N, C-alpha and C. Protein backbone atom coordinates (compact mmCIF):
# COMPACT_ATOMS: atom_id res chain seq x y z
N UNK A 1 86.33 85.34 81.02
CA UNK A 1 86.22 86.38 82.03
C UNK A 1 87.68 87.20 82.27
N UNK A 2 88.62 86.35 82.27
CA UNK A 2 90.01 87.06 82.35
C UNK A 2 90.33 87.97 81.12
N UNK A 3 89.88 87.59 80.01
CA UNK A 3 90.19 88.35 78.72
C UNK A 3 89.47 89.69 78.87
N UNK A 4 88.43 89.82 79.65
CA UNK A 4 87.73 91.10 79.70
C UNK A 4 88.29 91.88 80.88
N UNK A 5 88.83 91.33 81.84
CA UNK A 5 89.35 91.94 83.00
C UNK A 5 90.68 92.63 82.94
N UNK A 6 91.59 91.92 82.27
CA UNK A 6 92.85 92.51 82.09
C UNK A 6 92.80 93.94 81.24
N UNK A 7 92.14 94.03 80.21
CA UNK A 7 92.12 95.40 79.51
C UNK A 7 91.53 96.53 80.44
N UNK A 8 90.49 96.10 81.21
CA UNK A 8 89.82 97.11 82.13
C UNK A 8 90.77 97.64 83.17
N UNK A 9 91.43 96.58 83.76
CA UNK A 9 92.36 96.83 84.88
C UNK A 9 93.47 97.74 84.43
N UNK A 10 94.05 97.43 83.08
CA UNK A 10 95.19 98.18 82.59
C UNK A 10 94.74 99.70 82.29
N UNK A 11 93.51 99.80 81.71
CA UNK A 11 92.87 101.01 81.45
C UNK A 11 92.79 101.90 82.78
N UNK A 12 92.18 101.21 83.79
CA UNK A 12 92.04 101.97 85.07
C UNK A 12 93.44 102.34 85.71
N UNK A 13 94.44 101.57 85.43
CA UNK A 13 95.72 101.92 86.04
C UNK A 13 96.32 103.05 85.26
N UNK A 14 96.24 102.98 83.95
CA UNK A 14 96.69 104.20 83.18
C UNK A 14 95.92 105.51 83.62
N UNK A 15 94.71 105.38 83.70
CA UNK A 15 93.85 106.47 83.97
C UNK A 15 94.19 107.17 85.48
N UNK A 16 94.48 106.25 86.42
CA UNK A 16 94.87 106.69 87.64
C UNK A 16 96.14 107.41 87.76
N UNK A 17 96.98 106.86 87.00
CA UNK A 17 98.49 107.47 86.77
C UNK A 17 98.36 108.81 86.12
N UNK A 18 97.58 108.82 85.03
CA UNK A 18 97.39 110.14 84.39
C UNK A 18 96.75 111.15 85.23
N UNK A 19 95.82 110.76 85.99
CA UNK A 19 95.02 111.75 86.91
C UNK A 19 96.03 112.10 87.88
N UNK A 20 97.01 111.33 88.48
CA UNK A 20 97.87 111.58 89.47
C UNK A 20 98.91 112.66 88.86
N UNK A 21 99.43 112.40 87.69
CA UNK A 21 100.30 113.44 87.05
C UNK A 21 99.72 114.72 86.99
N UNK A 22 98.41 114.69 86.45
CA UNK A 22 97.74 115.97 86.19
C UNK A 22 97.48 116.78 87.50
N UNK A 23 97.02 116.11 88.49
CA UNK A 23 96.89 116.75 89.80
C UNK A 23 98.25 117.35 90.41
N UNK A 24 99.25 116.47 90.28
CA UNK A 24 100.63 116.93 90.75
C UNK A 24 101.01 118.17 89.90
N UNK A 25 100.73 118.31 88.69
CA UNK A 25 101.07 119.28 87.78
C UNK A 25 100.29 120.66 88.22
N UNK A 26 99.12 120.45 88.38
CA UNK A 26 98.36 121.63 88.87
C UNK A 26 98.66 122.05 90.12
N UNK A 27 99.01 121.28 91.05
CA UNK A 27 99.45 121.53 92.39
C UNK A 27 100.91 122.31 92.29
N UNK A 28 101.67 121.85 91.48
CA UNK A 28 102.99 122.45 91.31
C UNK A 28 102.89 123.79 90.75
N UNK A 29 101.98 123.99 89.83
CA UNK A 29 101.83 125.28 89.19
C UNK A 29 101.16 126.34 90.25
N UNK A 30 100.33 125.87 91.05
CA UNK A 30 99.76 126.72 92.08
C UNK A 30 100.76 127.17 93.12
N UNK A 31 101.65 126.19 93.47
CA UNK A 31 102.64 126.37 94.48
C UNK A 31 103.62 127.29 93.79
N UNK A 32 103.99 127.23 92.61
CA UNK A 32 104.87 128.03 91.89
C UNK A 32 104.37 129.55 91.86
N UNK A 33 103.12 129.82 91.75
CA UNK A 33 102.52 131.07 91.81
C UNK A 33 102.58 131.59 93.17
N UNK A 34 102.56 130.87 94.15
CA UNK A 34 102.72 131.24 95.52
C UNK A 34 104.11 131.63 95.81
N UNK A 35 105.06 130.97 95.35
CA UNK A 35 106.55 131.23 95.47
C UNK A 35 106.89 132.48 94.81
N UNK A 36 106.31 132.61 93.56
CA UNK A 36 106.52 133.83 92.87
C UNK A 36 106.02 135.10 93.43
N UNK A 37 104.72 135.02 94.03
CA UNK A 37 104.37 136.12 94.75
C UNK A 37 105.22 136.42 96.11
N UNK A 38 105.86 135.41 96.64
CA UNK A 38 106.56 135.56 97.87
C UNK A 38 107.98 136.11 97.52
N UNK A 39 108.32 136.16 96.18
CA UNK A 39 109.60 136.70 95.80
C UNK A 39 110.71 135.82 95.48
N UNK A 40 110.37 134.44 95.58
CA UNK A 40 111.44 133.34 95.45
C UNK A 40 111.32 133.03 93.94
N UNK A 41 112.10 133.70 93.13
CA UNK A 41 111.98 133.53 91.62
C UNK A 41 112.51 132.12 91.12
N UNK A 42 113.74 131.88 91.62
CA UNK A 42 114.35 130.65 91.04
C UNK A 42 113.50 129.34 91.40
N UNK A 43 113.08 129.24 92.60
CA UNK A 43 112.29 128.12 92.96
C UNK A 43 110.89 128.01 92.19
N UNK A 44 110.34 129.30 91.97
CA UNK A 44 109.16 129.45 91.33
C UNK A 44 109.28 128.95 89.88
N UNK A 45 110.31 129.35 89.17
CA UNK A 45 110.54 129.02 87.78
C UNK A 45 110.68 127.54 87.77
N UNK A 46 111.60 126.87 88.67
CA UNK A 46 111.79 125.47 88.66
C UNK A 46 110.45 124.65 88.78
N UNK A 47 109.78 125.20 89.89
CA UNK A 47 108.57 124.43 90.11
C UNK A 47 107.45 124.64 88.95
N UNK A 48 107.52 125.64 88.26
CA UNK A 48 106.66 125.93 87.15
C UNK A 48 107.00 125.06 86.04
N UNK A 49 108.29 124.83 85.79
CA UNK A 49 108.77 123.80 84.66
C UNK A 49 108.38 122.46 85.11
N UNK A 50 108.65 122.01 86.27
CA UNK A 50 108.26 120.59 86.67
C UNK A 50 106.64 120.51 86.71
N UNK A 51 106.00 121.47 87.02
CA UNK A 51 104.51 121.48 86.82
C UNK A 51 104.11 121.23 85.42
N UNK A 52 104.67 122.03 84.49
CA UNK A 52 104.36 121.83 83.05
C UNK A 52 104.75 120.46 82.47
N UNK A 53 105.80 120.00 83.07
CA UNK A 53 106.22 118.62 82.56
C UNK A 53 105.17 117.61 83.08
N UNK A 54 104.82 117.74 84.33
CA UNK A 54 103.76 116.79 84.93
C UNK A 54 102.41 116.93 84.25
N UNK A 55 102.15 118.12 83.92
CA UNK A 55 100.76 118.21 83.15
C UNK A 55 100.90 117.66 81.76
N UNK A 56 102.02 117.78 81.14
CA UNK A 56 102.21 117.16 79.85
C UNK A 56 102.15 115.65 79.97
N UNK A 57 102.79 115.13 80.97
CA UNK A 57 102.80 113.75 81.21
C UNK A 57 101.28 113.20 81.39
N UNK A 58 100.74 113.90 82.27
CA UNK A 58 99.34 113.44 82.63
C UNK A 58 98.28 113.59 81.53
N UNK A 59 98.29 114.75 80.72
CA UNK A 59 97.23 115.01 79.76
C UNK A 59 97.65 114.44 78.54
N UNK A 60 98.82 114.74 77.97
CA UNK A 60 99.10 114.27 76.56
C UNK A 60 99.62 112.94 76.51
N UNK A 61 100.77 112.73 77.24
CA UNK A 61 101.51 111.56 77.07
C UNK A 61 100.77 110.28 77.49
N UNK A 62 99.96 110.47 78.65
CA UNK A 62 99.15 109.27 79.13
C UNK A 62 97.74 109.40 78.75
N UNK A 63 97.19 110.62 79.09
CA UNK A 63 95.79 110.90 78.76
C UNK A 63 95.28 110.56 77.38
N UNK A 64 95.94 111.52 76.35
CA UNK A 64 95.53 111.44 75.03
C UNK A 64 96.30 110.28 74.28
N UNK A 65 97.34 109.84 74.62
CA UNK A 65 98.09 108.81 73.89
C UNK A 65 97.94 107.42 74.37
N UNK A 66 97.56 107.30 75.56
CA UNK A 66 97.35 105.92 76.16
C UNK A 66 95.93 105.61 76.56
N UNK A 67 95.25 106.41 77.42
CA UNK A 67 93.96 106.17 78.10
C UNK A 67 92.89 106.27 76.82
N UNK A 68 92.78 107.40 76.18
CA UNK A 68 91.72 107.55 75.24
C UNK A 68 91.73 106.55 74.14
N UNK A 69 92.76 106.16 73.63
CA UNK A 69 92.72 105.02 72.58
C UNK A 69 92.23 103.80 73.19
N UNK A 70 92.65 103.41 74.31
CA UNK A 70 92.27 102.19 75.03
C UNK A 70 90.96 102.21 75.41
N UNK A 71 90.37 103.36 75.84
CA UNK A 71 88.98 103.60 76.22
C UNK A 71 88.14 103.36 74.94
N UNK A 72 88.54 103.94 73.72
CA UNK A 72 87.82 103.80 72.61
C UNK A 72 87.83 102.40 72.16
N UNK A 73 88.81 101.61 72.23
CA UNK A 73 88.87 100.29 71.84
C UNK A 73 88.05 99.45 72.79
N UNK A 74 88.00 99.65 74.10
CA UNK A 74 87.00 99.04 75.13
C UNK A 74 85.64 99.28 74.73
N UNK A 75 85.23 100.51 74.25
CA UNK A 75 83.84 100.85 73.99
C UNK A 75 83.43 100.24 72.73
N UNK A 76 84.34 100.12 71.75
CA UNK A 76 84.12 99.58 70.49
C UNK A 76 83.88 98.04 70.39
N UNK A 77 84.63 97.25 71.44
CA UNK A 77 84.64 95.94 71.57
C UNK A 77 83.23 95.47 72.25
N UNK A 78 82.76 96.46 73.10
CA UNK A 78 81.52 95.85 73.83
C UNK A 78 80.25 96.34 73.12
């Protein structure tokens, strides 16, 4: 039973972290647009870059490179 539980917990942890980075990236991008509309260009650009990094980390680095292959392996094993 422990052999089955460990990969599932690991997959869930990666999925939650990936979702967290993705949500943080979207919120940073939306906030960046608000700061840009208010005229605060420097902070808007910085926040936009940070949002892009968070989106990359959530979607590509964790989502596509970690979560998706582990999910495929878990489905193939069962």
